[in-house]
Amino acid sequence: MKLVILCLLLSIAIPVFIQRFQSGIVSLKNVLRVKRFPQKTLLNASLLMFAEDGDLLDVLQTIRTVEDRWNKRFHYPWTIFSSKEVSPFFIESTSSVASGNCEYVQWDSTEYLETGLKDDIYYLEQSGKLSDEGVNYSRSGSFHRYQEWILHTLLYHPQLRFDYVWRLEPGVRFNCEENSDLFHEMEQNNATLGFTNHVCETRHTGILELEQALDKYEQEWIPDRPRQAWEYFNEDVYCKYWPYNEIIALRKFRENSSLVQLTQHLLNEGGIYYHRWTESDILSLVLKVYDSPTLHLSTIGYLFRPDANHCPDIESGRCACYIEV
């Protein structure tokens, strides 16, 4: 009798089990997908790179280490801007190592560029003087156009529809595990910029011209503001935020008319061409002038080059780097 009851129960249970299992294959896949794409509250944010086909190895190195050390937990998308259409091999290679969606944007070489270059003779004179001072890229028209284009892209490009972007230079390698959602940390701290470190450079005559341009602007638009333009400076050097590993609260920046107006004013001055102002010079100055809140991303460990790296002095064993003592 017990055997009959058992067989009866099995005859009912097995089809139900099979039916649930078959219908649960999707659920099983969803579970696997959830493991890879966890149902976390992600912000409207993206990792951002400016790169070309020839940068593929550096791009892969950066994506791979960022994914392994951080983005494997969150799966934020990647946005890659290039001046020329990237190859299918570039797209296949990069998208295969990224855990989030990838978007590839080609910018028109005639779009936005050289809005501040109005006097070719003056440009040649000033770039020559800076070259005599030993200022890198002072004669490089492509470098100047690149700086101008980055600023225009950050300020206005419709493809960057994100609240936050984490800008990474191809070749940056992460060497520390990072568990926090750094975009959420930016939001919680109401920060406009998240930075890893400062870089200090020679206070050449081009930077003096930038400071003078700021003085004139302040007299007209912000006369009551303090005139400290940099985190630190003296007669010989000035220090700014290092741009190749930073998080920008892009929507917040774009919606702040004071920040945008000063940035656009400095672009229109043409100093990117005449005085070799960089996008990091301008952004650092603008953020400092308006006392925009910043967040030091002190737990990020990375390596880029000997003069641009960071190994956090916390949580021993979390990083594949060491601190020299």
C-alpha atoms as a PDB file:
ATOM      1  CA  MET A   1       0.000   0.000   0.000  1.00  0.00           C
ATOM      2  CA  LYS A   2       2.831   2.359   0.865  1.00  0.00           C
ATOM      3  CA  LEU A   3       4.471   1.573  -2.444  1.00  0.00           C
ATOM      4  CA  VAL A   4       1.274   2.435  -4.310  1.00  0.00           C
ATOM      5  CA  ILE A   5       0.988   5.750  -2.493  1.00  0.00           C
ATOM      6  CA  LEU A   6       4.653   6.530  -3.203  1.00  0.00           C
ATOM      7  CA  CYS A   7       4.217   5.758  -6.897  1.00  0.00           C
ATOM      8  CA  LEU A   8       1.115   7.934  -6.991  1.00  0.00           C
ATOM      9  CA  LEU A   9       2.934  10.829  -5.370  1.00  0.00           C
ATOM     10  CA  LEU A  10       5.843  10.446  -7.742  1.00  0.00           C
ATOM     11  CA  SER A  11       3.526  10.354 -10.730  1.00  0.00           C
ATOM     12  CA  ILE A  12       2.169  13.723  -9.624  1.00  0.00           C
ATOM     13  CA  ALA A  13       5.408  15.290  -8.429  1.00  0.00           C
ATOM     14  CA  ILE A  14       7.715  14.389 -11.305  1.00  0.00           C
ATOM     15  CA  PRO A  15       5.728  16.147 -14.063  1.00  0.00           C
ATOM     16  CA  VAL A  16       5.344  19.201 -11.830  1.00  0.00           C
ATOM     17  CA  PHE A  17       9.066  19.176 -11.118  1.00  0.00           C
ATOM     18  CA  ILE A  18       9.895  18.830 -14.804  1.00  0.00           C
ATOM     19  CA  GLN A  19       7.502  21.617 -15.712  1.00  0.00           C
ATOM     20  CA  ARG A  20       8.948  23.917 -13.063  1.00  0.00           C
ATOM     21  CA  PHE A  21      12.492  23.032 -14.041  1.00  0.00           C
ATOM     22  CA  GLN A  22      11.820  23.661 -17.716  1.00  0.00           C
ATOM     23  CA  SER A  23      10.131  26.960 -17.026  1.00  0.00           C
ATOM     24  CA  GLY A  24      12.873  27.688 -14.527  1.00  0.00           C
ATOM     25  CA  ILE A  25      15.630  27.459 -17.115  1.00  0.00           C
ATOM     26  CA  VAL A  26      15.009  31.130 -17.797  1.00  0.00           C
ATOM     27  CA  SER A  27      15.106  31.762 -14.083  1.00  0.00           C
ATOM     28  CA  LEU A  28      18.342  29.826 -13.870  1.00  0.00           C
ATOM     29  CA  LYS A  29      19.763  31.948 -16.624  1.00  0.00           C
ATOM     30  CA  ASN A  30      18.480  35.002 -14.814  1.00  0.00           C
ATOM     31  CA  VAL A  31      20.299  33.866 -11.729  1.00  0.00           C
ATOM     32  CA  LEU A  32      23.481  33.480 -13.716  1.00  0.00           C
ATOM     33  CA  ARG A  33      22.832  36.830 -15.286  1.00  0.00           C
ATOM     34  CA  VAL A  34      22.211  38.381 -11.918  1.00  0.00           C
ATOM     35  CA  LYS A  35      25.571  37.090 -10.783  1.00  0.00           C
ATOM     36  CA  ARG A  36      27.197  38.783 -13.718  1.00  0.00           C
ATOM     37  CA  PHE A  37      24.839  41.759 -13.805  1.00  0.00           C
ATOM     38  CA  PRO A  38      23.765  42.127 -10.168  1.00  0.00           C
ATOM     39  CA  GLN A  39      20.536  43.933  -9.465  1.00  0.00           C
ATOM     40  CA  LYS A  40      22.223  46.841  -7.756  1.00  0.00           C
ATOM     41  CA  THR A  41      21.082  50.412  -7.920  1.00  0.00           C
ATOM     42  CA  LEU A  42      23.511  51.759 -10.467  1.00  0.00           C
ATOM     43  CA  LEU A  43      23.736  55.447 -11.176  1.00  0.00           C
ATOM     44  CA  ASN A  44      23.568  56.997 -14.627  1.00  0.00           C
ATOM     45  CA  ALA A  45      27.321  56.753 -15.097  1.00  0.00           C
ATOM     46  CA  SER A  46      29.950  55.475 -17.494  1.00  0.00           C
ATOM     47  CA  LEU A  47      33.648  54.784 -17.700  1.00  0.00           C
ATOM     48  CA  LEU A  48      35.137  57.061 -20.359  1.00  0.00           C
ATOM     49  CA  MET A  49      38.200  56.840 -22.577  1.00  0.00           C
ATOM     50  CA  PHE A  50      39.561  58.854 -25.479  1.00  0.00           C
ATOM     51  CA  ALA A  51      41.429  56.382 -27.672  1.00  0.00           C
ATOM     52  CA  GLU A  52      42.341  55.330 -31.217  1.00  0.00           C
ATOM     53  CA  ASP A  53      42.867  52.001 -32.943  1.00  0.00           C
ATOM     54  CA  GLY A  54      46.584  52.203 -32.257  1.00  0.00           C
ATOM     55  CA  ASP A  55      45.918  52.426 -28.519  1.00  0.00           C
ATOM     56  CA  LEU A  56      44.275  49.000 -28.409  1.00  0.00           C
ATOM     57  CA  LEU A  57      46.822  47.264 -26.171  1.00  0.00           C
ATOM     58  CA  ASP A  58      46.767  50.092 -23.637  1.00  0.00           C
ATOM     59  CA  VAL A  59      42.960  50.242 -23.796  1.00  0.00           C
ATOM     60  CA  LEU A  60      42.689  46.496 -23.171  1.00  0.00           C
ATOM     61  CA  GLN A  61      45.127  46.720 -20.290  1.00  0.00           C
ATOM     62  CA  THR A  62      43.081  49.455 -18.649  1.00  0.00           C
ATOM     63  CA  ILE A  63      39.700  47.807 -19.203  1.00  0.00           C
ATOM     64  CA  ARG A  64      40.975  44.437 -17.987  1.00  0.00           C
ATOM     65  CA  THR A  65      42.436  45.769 -14.738  1.00  0.00           C
ATOM     66  CA  VAL A  66      39.458  48.055 -14.013  1.00  0.00           C
ATOM     67  CA  GLU A  67      37.090  45.136 -14.595  1.00  0.00           C
ATOM     68  CA  ASP A  68      39.127  42.737 -12.465  1.00  0.00           C
ATOM     69  CA  ARG A  69      39.648  45.164  -9.607  1.00  0.00           C
ATOM     70  CA  TRP A  70      36.332  47.031  -9.586  1.00  0.00           C
ATOM     71  CA  ASN A  71      33.754  46.890 -12.374  1.00  0.00           C
ATOM     72  CA  LYS A  72      33.182  43.128 -12.137  1.00  0.00           C
ATOM     73  CA  ARG A  73      31.004  44.021  -9.134  1.00  0.00           C
ATOM     74  CA  PHE A  74      28.942  46.688 -10.888  1.00  0.00           C
ATOM     75  CA  HIS A  75      29.118  46.322 -14.695  1.00  0.00           C
ATOM     76  CA  TYR A  76      29.005  49.992 -15.529  1.00  0.00           C
ATOM     77  CA  PRO A  77      29.156  50.747 -19.266  1.00  0.00           C
ATOM     78  CA  TRP A  78      32.175  51.967 -21.197  1.00  0.00           C
ATOM     79  CA  THR A  79      32.141  54.912 -23.604  1.00  0.00           C
ATOM     80  CA  ILE A  80      35.091  55.262 -25.980  1.00  0.00           C
ATOM     81  CA  PHE A  81      35.608  58.369 -28.111  1.00  0.00           C
ATOM     82  CA  SER A  82      37.928  58.321 -31.129  1.00  0.00           C
ATOM     83  CA  SER A  83      38.848  60.733 -33.897  1.00  0.00           C
ATOM     84  CA  LYS A  84      38.497  58.038 -36.548  1.00  0.00           C
ATOM     85  CA  GLU A  85      36.210  55.057 -36.869  1.00  0.00           C
ATOM     86  CA  VAL A  86      37.661  52.183 -34.884  1.00  0.00           C
ATOM     87  CA  SER A  87      38.032  48.776 -36.492  1.00  0.00           C
ATOM     88  CA  PRO A  88      35.738  45.796 -35.912  1.00  0.00           C
ATOM     89  CA  PHE A  89      38.710  44.085 -34.262  1.00  0.00           C
ATOM     90  CA  PHE A  90      39.012  46.990 -31.793  1.00  0.00           C
ATOM     91  CA  ILE A  91      35.306  46.769 -30.984  1.00  0.00           C
ATOM     92  CA  GLU A  92      35.342  42.987 -30.620  1.00  0.00           C
ATOM     93  CA  SER A  93      38.480  43.001 -28.466  1.00  0.00           C
ATOM     94  CA  THR A  94      37.341  45.711 -26.074  1.00  0.00           C
ATOM     95  CA  SER A  95      33.732  44.616 -25.738  1.00  0.00           C
ATOM     96  CA  SER A  96      34.837  41.058 -24.968  1.00  0.00           C
ATOM     97  CA  VAL A  97      36.687  42.124 -21.805  1.00  0.00           C
ATOM     98  CA  ALA A  98      34.143  44.716 -20.629  1.00  0.00           C
ATOM     99  CA  SER A  99      31.361  43.478 -18.366  1.00  0.00           C
ATOM    100  CA  GLY A 100      29.006  46.343 -19.193  1.00  0.00           C
ATOM    101  CA  ASN A 101      27.741  47.747 -22.459  1.00  0.00           C
ATOM    102  CA  CYS A 102      30.234  49.455 -24.748  1.00  0.00           C
ATOM    103  CA  GLU A 103      29.539  52.527 -26.844  1.00  0.00           C
ATOM    104  CA  TYR A 104      31.924  53.799 -29.512  1.00  0.00           C
ATOM    105  CA  VAL A 105      31.687  57.427 -30.608  1.00  0.00           C
ATOM    106  CA  GLN A 106      33.564  58.950 -33.517  1.00  0.00           C
ATOM    107  CA  TRP A 107      33.998  62.707 -33.361  1.00  0.00           C
ATOM    108  CA  ASP A 108      34.098  64.901 -36.427  1.00  0.00           C
ATOM    109  CA  SER A 109      37.560  66.455 -36.780  1.00  0.00           C
ATOM    110  CA  THR A 110      35.952  69.716 -37.899  1.00  0.00           C
ATOM    111  CA  GLU A 111      33.515  69.814 -34.991  1.00  0.00           C
ATOM    112  CA  TYR A 112      34.175  72.412 -32.277  1.00  0.00           C
ATOM    113  CA  LEU A 113      37.834  72.831 -33.170  1.00  0.00           C
ATOM    114  CA  GLU A 114      40.011  75.930 -33.280  1.00  0.00           C
ATOM    115  CA  THR A 115      37.301  78.246 -31.973  1.00  0.00           C
ATOM    116  CA  GLY A 116      39.939  80.136 -30.009  1.00  0.00           C
ATOM    117  CA  LEU A 117      42.648  80.337 -32.707  1.00  0.00           C
ATOM    118  CA  LYS A 118      42.300  83.687 -34.440  1.00  0.00           C
ATOM    119  CA  ASP A 119      45.851  84.937 -35.031  1.00  0.00           C
ATOM    120  CA  ASP A 120      48.296  82.548 -36.674  1.00  0.00           C
ATOM    121  CA  ILE A 121      51.256  84.916 -36.400  1.00  0.00           C
ATOM    122  CA  TYR A 122      50.710  85.459 -32.679  1.00  0.00           C
ATOM    123  CA  TYR A 123      50.320  81.701 -32.273  1.00  0.00           C
ATOM    124  CA  LEU A 124      53.707  81.047 -33.882  1.00  0.00           C
ATOM    125  CA  GLU A 125      55.369  83.743 -31.773  1.00  0.00           C
ATOM    126  CA  GLN A 126      53.948  82.534 -28.462  1.00  0.00           C
ATOM    127  CA  SER A 127      54.467  78.839 -29.120  1.00  0.00           C
ATOM    128  CA  GLY A 128      58.074  79.620 -30.010  1.00  0.00           C
ATOM    129  CA  LYS A 129      58.607  81.429 -26.698  1.00  0.00           C
ATOM    130  CA  LEU A 130      57.139  78.531 -24.744  1.00  0.00           C
ATOM    131  CA  SER A 131      59.301  76.101 -26.674  1.00  0.00           C
ATOM    132  CA  ASP A 132      62.352  78.127 -25.656  1.00  0.00           C
ATOM    133  CA  GLU A 133      61.208  77.738 -22.037  1.00  0.00           C
ATOM    134  CA  GLY A 134      61.161  73.974 -22.512  1.00  0.00           C
ATOM    135  CA  VAL A 135      57.370  73.613 -22.300  1.00  0.00           C
ATOM    136  CA  ASN A 136      56.249  70.291 -23.775  1.00  0.00           C
ATOM    137  CA  TYR A 137      53.853  70.286 -26.761  1.00  0.00           C
ATOM    138  CA  SER A 138      54.025  74.070 -27.113  1.00  0.00           C
ATOM    139  CA  ARG A 139      54.357  73.750 -30.909  1.00  0.00           C
ATOM    140  CA  SER A 140      52.019  70.772 -31.304  1.00  0.00           C
ATOM    141  CA  GLY A 141      48.853  71.857 -33.087  1.00  0.00           C
ATOM    142  CA  SER A 142      47.362  68.386 -32.702  1.00  0.00           C
ATOM    143  CA  PHE A 143      47.924  68.516 -28.936  1.00  0.00           C
ATOM    144  CA  HIS A 144      46.229  71.916 -28.707  1.00  0.00           C
ATOM    145  CA  ARG A 145      43.252  70.787 -30.781  1.00  0.00           C
ATOM    146  CA  TYR A 146      42.970  67.664 -28.651  1.00  0.00           C
ATOM    147  CA  GLN A 147      42.803  69.736 -25.450  1.00  0.00           C
ATOM    148  CA  GLU A 148      40.131  71.985 -26.926  1.00  0.00           C
ATOM    149  CA  TRP A 149      38.116  69.067 -28.205  1.00  0.00           C
ATOM    150  CA  ILE A 150      38.124  67.278 -24.835  1.00  0.00           C
ATOM    151  CA  LEU A 151      36.718  70.350 -23.109  1.00  0.00           C
ATOM    152  CA  HIS A 152      34.037  70.827 -25.753  1.00  0.00           C
ATOM    153  CA  THR A 153      33.153  67.136 -25.536  1.00  0.00           C
ATOM    154  CA  LEU A 154      32.813  67.211 -21.758  1.00  0.00           C
ATOM    155  CA  LEU A 155      30.765  70.400 -21.849  1.00  0.00           C
ATOM    156  CA  TYR A 156      28.463  69.803 -24.774  1.00  0.00           C
ATOM    157  CA  HIS A 157      28.613  66.428 -26.521  1.00  0.00           C
ATOM    158  CA  PRO A 158      25.100  64.904 -26.491  1.00  0.00           C
ATOM    159  CA  GLN A 159      26.460  61.358 -26.359  1.00  0.00           C
ATOM    160  CA  LEU A 160      27.757  62.026 -22.852  1.00  0.00           C
ATOM    161  CA  ARG A 161      24.290  61.964 -21.326  1.00  0.00           C
ATOM    162  CA  PHE A 162      25.559  60.626 -18.007  1.00  0.00           C
ATOM    163  CA  ASP A 163      25.394  62.122 -14.539  1.00  0.00           C
ATOM    164  CA  TYR A 164      28.930  60.877 -13.874  1.00  0.00           C
ATOM    165  CA  VAL A 165      31.873  59.865 -16.046  1.00  0.00           C
ATOM    166  CA  TRP A 166      35.061  58.229 -14.866  1.00  0.00           C
ATOM    167  CA  ARG A 167      37.751  59.335 -17.247  1.00  0.00           C
ATOM    168  CA  LEU A 168      40.621  56.899 -17.673  1.00  0.00           C
ATOM    169  CA  GLU A 169      43.679  57.264 -19.855  1.00  0.00           C
ATOM    170  CA  PRO A 170      44.598  54.201 -21.939  1.00  0.00           C
ATOM    171  CA  GLY A 171      47.458  52.481 -20.138  1.00  0.00           C
ATOM    172  CA  VAL A 172      46.313  53.185 -16.575  1.00  0.00           C
ATOM    173  CA  ARG A 173      46.520  49.936 -14.598  1.00  0.00           C
ATOM    174  CA  PHE A 174      44.594  49.295 -11.406  1.00  0.00           C
ATOM    175  CA  ASN A 175      46.432  47.274  -8.770  1.00  0.00           C
ATOM    176  CA  CYS A 176      44.056  47.411  -5.785  1.00  0.00           C
ATOM    177  CA  GLU A 177      40.736  45.714  -5.129  1.00  0.00           C
ATOM    178  CA  GLU A 178      37.988  48.319  -4.838  1.00  0.00           C
ATOM    179  CA  ASN A 179      34.640  47.237  -3.384  1.00  0.00           C
ATOM    180  CA  SER A 180      32.803  50.557  -3.153  1.00  0.00           C
ATOM    181  CA  ASP A 181      30.628  52.037  -5.865  1.00  0.00           C
ATOM    182  CA  LEU A 182      32.658  55.189  -6.341  1.00  0.00           C
ATOM    183  CA  PHE A 183      29.896  56.873  -8.318  1.00  0.00           C
ATOM    184  CA  HIS A 184      27.655  56.500  -5.271  1.00  0.00           C
ATOM    185  CA  GLU A 185      30.419  57.961  -3.109  1.00  0.00           C
ATOM    186  CA  MET A 186      30.551  60.957  -5.425  1.00  0.00           C
ATOM    187  CA  GLU A 187      26.795  61.396  -5.061  1.00  0.00           C
ATOM    188  CA  GLN A 188      26.821  60.984  -1.281  1.00  0.00           C
ATOM    189  CA  ASN A 189      29.560  63.600  -0.929  1.00  0.00           C
ATOM    190  CA  ASN A 190      27.931  65.965  -3.432  1.00  0.00           C
ATOM    191  CA  ALA A 191      31.304  66.142  -5.187  1.00  0.00           C
ATOM    192  CA  THR A 192      31.843  67.741  -8.571  1.00  0.00           C
ATOM    193  CA  LEU A 193      35.216  66.055  -9.064  1.00  0.00           C
ATOM    194  CA  GLY A 194      36.729  62.867  -7.693  1.00  0.00           C
ATOM    195  CA  PHE A 195      40.516  62.904  -8.006  1.00  0.00           C
ATOM    196  CA  THR A 196      43.311  60.473  -7.260  1.00  0.00           C
ATOM    197  CA  ASN A 197      46.226  62.891  -7.034  1.00  0.00           C
ATOM    198  CA  HIS A 198      47.646  66.252  -8.030  1.00  0.00           C
ATOM    199  CA  VAL A 199      50.401  66.880 -10.523  1.00  0.00           C
ATOM    200  CA  CYS A 200      52.743  69.843 -10.227  1.00  0.00           C
ATOM    201  CA  GLU A 201      54.319  71.557 -13.206  1.00  0.00           C
ATOM    202  CA  THR A 202      56.559  74.508 -13.928  1.00  0.00           C
ATOM    203  CA  ARG A 203      54.717  77.813 -13.709  1.00  0.00           C
ATOM    204  CA  HIS A 204      55.645  78.887 -17.234  1.00  0.00           C
ATOM    205  CA  THR A 205      54.616  82.140 -18.889  1.00  0.00           C
ATOM    206  CA  GLY A 206      51.554  80.476 -20.398  1.00  0.00           C
ATOM    207  CA  ILE A 207      50.221  79.767 -16.911  1.00  0.00           C
ATOM    208  CA  LEU A 208      50.902  83.360 -15.906  1.00  0.00           C
ATOM    209  CA  GLU A 209      48.751  84.381 -18.875  1.00  0.00           C
ATOM    210  CA  LEU A 210      46.015  82.044 -17.631  1.00  0.00           C
ATOM    211  CA  GLU A 211      46.118  83.619 -14.181  1.00  0.00           C
ATOM    212  CA  GLN A 212      45.923  87.094 -15.721  1.00  0.00           C
ATOM    213  CA  ALA A 213      42.934  86.034 -17.830  1.00  0.00           C
ATOM    214  CA  LEU A 214      41.269  84.818 -14.636  1.00  0.00           C
ATOM    215  CA  ASP A 215      42.011  88.116 -12.882  1.00  0.00           C
ATOM    216  CA  LYS A 216      40.291  90.071 -15.650  1.00  0.00           C
ATOM    217  CA  TYR A 217      37.308  87.738 -15.605  1.00  0.00           C
ATOM    218  CA  GLU A 218      36.966  87.940 -11.829  1.00  0.00           C
ATOM    219  CA  GLN A 219      37.009  91.735 -11.850  1.00  0.00           C
ATOM    220  CA  GLU A 220      33.996  91.739 -14.157  1.00  0.00           C
ATOM    221  CA  TRP A 221      32.018  88.681 -13.067  1.00  0.00           C
ATOM    222  CA  ILE A 222      33.115  87.538  -9.604  1.00  0.00           C
ATOM    223  CA  PRO A 223      34.821  90.490  -7.858  1.00  0.00           C
ATOM    224  CA  ASP A 224      34.144  89.129  -4.366  1.00  0.00           C
ATOM    225  CA  ARG A 225      35.755  85.757  -4.952  1.00  0.00           C
ATOM    226  CA  PRO A 226      39.219  84.902  -3.605  1.00  0.00           C
ATOM    227  CA  ARG A 227      41.810  84.729  -6.351  1.00  0.00           C
ATOM    228  CA  GLN A 228      43.499  81.487  -5.408  1.00  0.00           C
ATOM    229  CA  ALA A 229      43.590  79.564  -8.670  1.00  0.00           C
ATOM    230  CA  TRP A 230      45.448  76.399  -7.657  1.00  0.00           C
ATOM    231  CA  GLU A 231      45.562  73.878  -4.844  1.00  0.00           C
ATOM    232  CA  TYR A 232      49.170  74.903  -4.344  1.00  0.00           C
ATOM    233  CA  PHE A 233      51.537  77.242  -6.132  1.00  0.00           C
ATOM    234  CA  ASN A 234      54.635  79.347  -5.615  1.00  0.00           C
ATOM    235  CA  GLU A 235      56.883  81.332  -7.908  1.00  0.00           C
ATOM    236  CA  ASP A 236      58.144  78.210  -9.639  1.00  0.00           C
ATOM    237  CA  VAL A 237      55.381  75.576  -9.725  1.00  0.00           C
ATOM    238  CA  TYR A 238      51.614  75.145  -9.684  1.00  0.00           C
ATOM    239  CA  CYS A 239      49.625  72.025  -8.830  1.00  0.00           C
ATOM    240  CA  LYS A 240      46.421  70.840 -10.494  1.00  0.00           C
ATOM    241  CA  TYR A 241      44.186  67.788 -10.534  1.00  0.00           C
ATOM    242  CA  TRP A 242      45.620  64.924 -12.560  1.00  0.00           C
ATOM    243  CA  PRO A 243      43.092  64.366 -15.377  1.00  0.00           C
ATOM    244  CA  TYR A 244      43.769  60.798 -16.479  1.00  0.00           C
ATOM    245  CA  ASN A 245      42.064  59.031 -13.593  1.00  0.00           C
ATOM    246  CA  GLU A 246      39.232  61.195 -12.307  1.00  0.00           C
ATOM    247  CA  ILE A 247      35.457  61.145 -11.886  1.00  0.00           C
ATOM    248  CA  ILE A 248      33.446  64.157 -13.031  1.00  0.00           C
ATOM    249  CA  ALA A 249      29.881  64.876 -11.952  1.00  0.00           C
ATOM    250  CA  LEU A 250      29.120  65.801 -15.534  1.00  0.00           C
ATOM    251  CA  ARG A 251      25.461  66.753 -15.274  1.00  0.00           C
ATOM    252  CA  LYS A 252      26.156  68.832 -12.187  1.00  0.00           C
ATOM    253  CA  PHE A 253      29.019  70.600 -13.971  1.00  0.00           C
ATOM    254  CA  ARG A 254      27.007  71.227 -17.131  1.00  0.00           C
ATOM    255  CA  GLU A 255      24.062  72.614 -15.189  1.00  0.00           C
ATOM    256  CA  ASN A 256      26.249  75.035 -13.233  1.00  0.00           C
ATOM    257  CA  SER A 257      26.186  78.184 -15.368  1.00  0.00           C
ATOM    258  CA  SER A 258      29.125  79.739 -13.491  1.00  0.00           C
ATOM    259  CA  LEU A 259      31.412  76.777 -14.182  1.00  0.00           C
ATOM    260  CA  VAL A 260      30.382  76.530 -17.826  1.00  0.00           C
ATOM    261  CA  GLN A 261      30.612  80.278 -18.430  1.00  0.00           C
ATOM    262  CA  LEU A 262      34.154  80.562 -17.071  1.00  0.00           C
ATOM    263  CA  THR A 263      35.280  77.432 -18.917  1.00  0.00           C
ATOM    264  CA  GLN A 264      33.839  78.705 -22.188  1.00  0.00           C
ATOM    265  CA  HIS A 265      35.362  82.146 -21.609  1.00  0.00           C
ATOM    266  CA  LEU A 266      38.827  80.636 -21.214  1.00  0.00           C
ATOM    267  CA  LEU A 267      38.284  78.513 -24.313  1.00  0.00           C
ATOM    268  CA  ASN A 268      37.378  81.619 -26.280  1.00  0.00           C
ATOM    269  CA  GLU A 269      40.537  83.363 -25.081  1.00  0.00           C
ATOM    270  CA  GLY A 270      42.569  81.019 -27.282  1.00  0.00           C
ATOM    271  CA  GLY A 271      45.116  80.269 -24.590  1.00  0.00           C
ATOM    272  CA  ILE A 272      44.995  76.563 -25.404  1.00  0.00           C
ATOM    273  CA  TYR A 273      46.764  77.500 -28.634  1.00  0.00           C
ATOM    274  CA  TYR A 274      48.719  80.632 -27.751  1.00  0.00           C
ATOM    275  CA  HIS A 275      49.838  79.682 -24.234  1.00  0.00           C
ATOM    276  CA  ARG A 276      49.530  75.858 -24.139  1.00  0.00           C
ATOM    277  CA  TRP A 277      46.765  75.760 -21.583  1.00  0.00           C
ATOM    278  CA  THR A 278      45.573  72.204 -21.098  1.00  0.00           C
ATOM    279  CA  GLU A 279      42.102  70.963 -20.311  1.00  0.00           C
ATOM    280  CA  SER A 280      43.337  69.982 -16.849  1.00  0.00           C
ATOM    281  CA  ASP A 281      44.724  73.502 -16.289  1.00  0.00           C
ATOM    282  CA  ILE A 282      41.366  75.039 -17.141  1.00  0.00           C
ATOM    283  CA  LEU A 283      39.168  72.560 -15.262  1.00  0.00           C
ATOM    284  CA  SER A 284      41.350  72.652 -12.147  1.00  0.00           C
ATOM    285  CA  LEU A 285      41.303  76.437 -12.134  1.00  0.00           C
ATOM    286  CA  VAL A 286      37.543  76.687 -12.715  1.00  0.00           C
ATOM    287  CA  LEU A 287      36.733  74.205  -9.945  1.00  0.00           C
ATOM    288  CA  LYS A 288      39.092  75.911  -7.503  1.00  0.00           C
ATOM    289  CA  VAL A 289      37.799  79.423  -8.214  1.00  0.00           C
ATOM    290  CA  TYR A 290      34.231  78.410  -7.405  1.00  0.00           C
ATOM    291  CA  ASP A 291      35.213  76.172  -4.481  1.00  0.00           C
ATOM    292  CA  SER A 292      33.484  73.214  -6.087  1.00  0.00           C
ATOM    293  CA  PRO A 293      33.392  70.228  -3.714  1.00  0.00           C
ATOM    294  CA  THR A 294      35.915  67.531  -4.539  1.00  0.00           C
ATOM    295  CA  LEU A 295      36.462  64.000  -3.278  1.00  0.00           C
ATOM    296  CA  HIS A 296      39.887  62.428  -2.869  1.00  0.00           C
ATOM    297  CA  LEU A 297      39.658  58.857  -4.175  1.00  0.00           C
ATOM    298  CA  SER A 298      42.360  57.745  -1.777  1.00  0.00           C
ATOM    299  CA  THR A 299      41.675  54.004  -1.929  1.00  0.00           C
ATOM    300  CA  ILE A 300      42.350  53.694  -5.661  1.00  0.00           C
ATOM    301  CA  GLY A 301      45.706  52.119  -6.397  1.00  0.00           C
ATOM    302  CA  TYR A 302      46.994  52.495  -9.928  1.00  0.00           C
ATOM    303  CA  LEU A 303      50.119  52.688 -12.049  1.00  0.00           C
ATOM    304  CA  PHE A 304      50.542  54.794 -15.161  1.00  0.00           C
ATOM    305  CA  ARG A 305      54.126  55.972 -15.238  1.00  0.00           C
ATOM    306  CA  PRO A 306      56.817  56.578 -12.604  1.00  0.00           C
ATOM    307  CA  ASP A 307      55.588  60.109 -11.849  1.00  0.00           C
ATOM    308  CA  ALA A 308      51.889  59.222 -11.957  1.00  0.00           C
ATOM    309  CA  ASN A 309      50.899  56.354  -9.671  1.00  0.00           C
ATOM    310  CA  HIS A 310      49.403  55.715  -6.272  1.00  0.00           C
ATOM    311  CA  CYS A 311      49.582  52.868  -3.765  1.00  0.00           C
ATOM    312  CA  PRO A 312      47.205  53.361  -0.812  1.00  0.00           C
ATOM    313  CA  ASP A 313      48.690  53.086   2.654  1.00  0.00           C
ATOM    314  CA  ILE A 314      45.717  51.075   3.923  1.00  0.00           C
ATOM    315  CA  GLU A 315      44.401  47.529   4.101  1.00  0.00           C
ATOM    316  CA  SER A 316      47.550  45.538   3.573  1.00  0.00           C
ATOM    317  CA  GLY A 317      47.009  42.689   1.135  1.00  0.00           C
ATOM    318  CA  ARG A 318      44.379  44.490  -0.924  1.00  0.00           C
ATOM    319  CA  CYS A 319      46.901  45.889  -3.416  1.00  0.00           C
ATOM    320  CA  ALA A 320      49.474  44.435  -5.777  1.00  0.00           C
ATOM    321  CA  CYS A 321      51.852  47.304  -5.103  1.00  0.00           C
ATOM    322  CA  TYR A 322      54.061  48.491  -2.299  1.00  0.00           C
ATOM    323  CA  ILE A 323      54.863  51.760  -0.604  1.00  0.00           C
ATOM    324  CA  GLU A 324      58.487  52.793  -0.512  1.00  0.00           C
ATOM    325  CA  VAL A 325      59.685  53.867   2.921  1.00  0.00           C
END
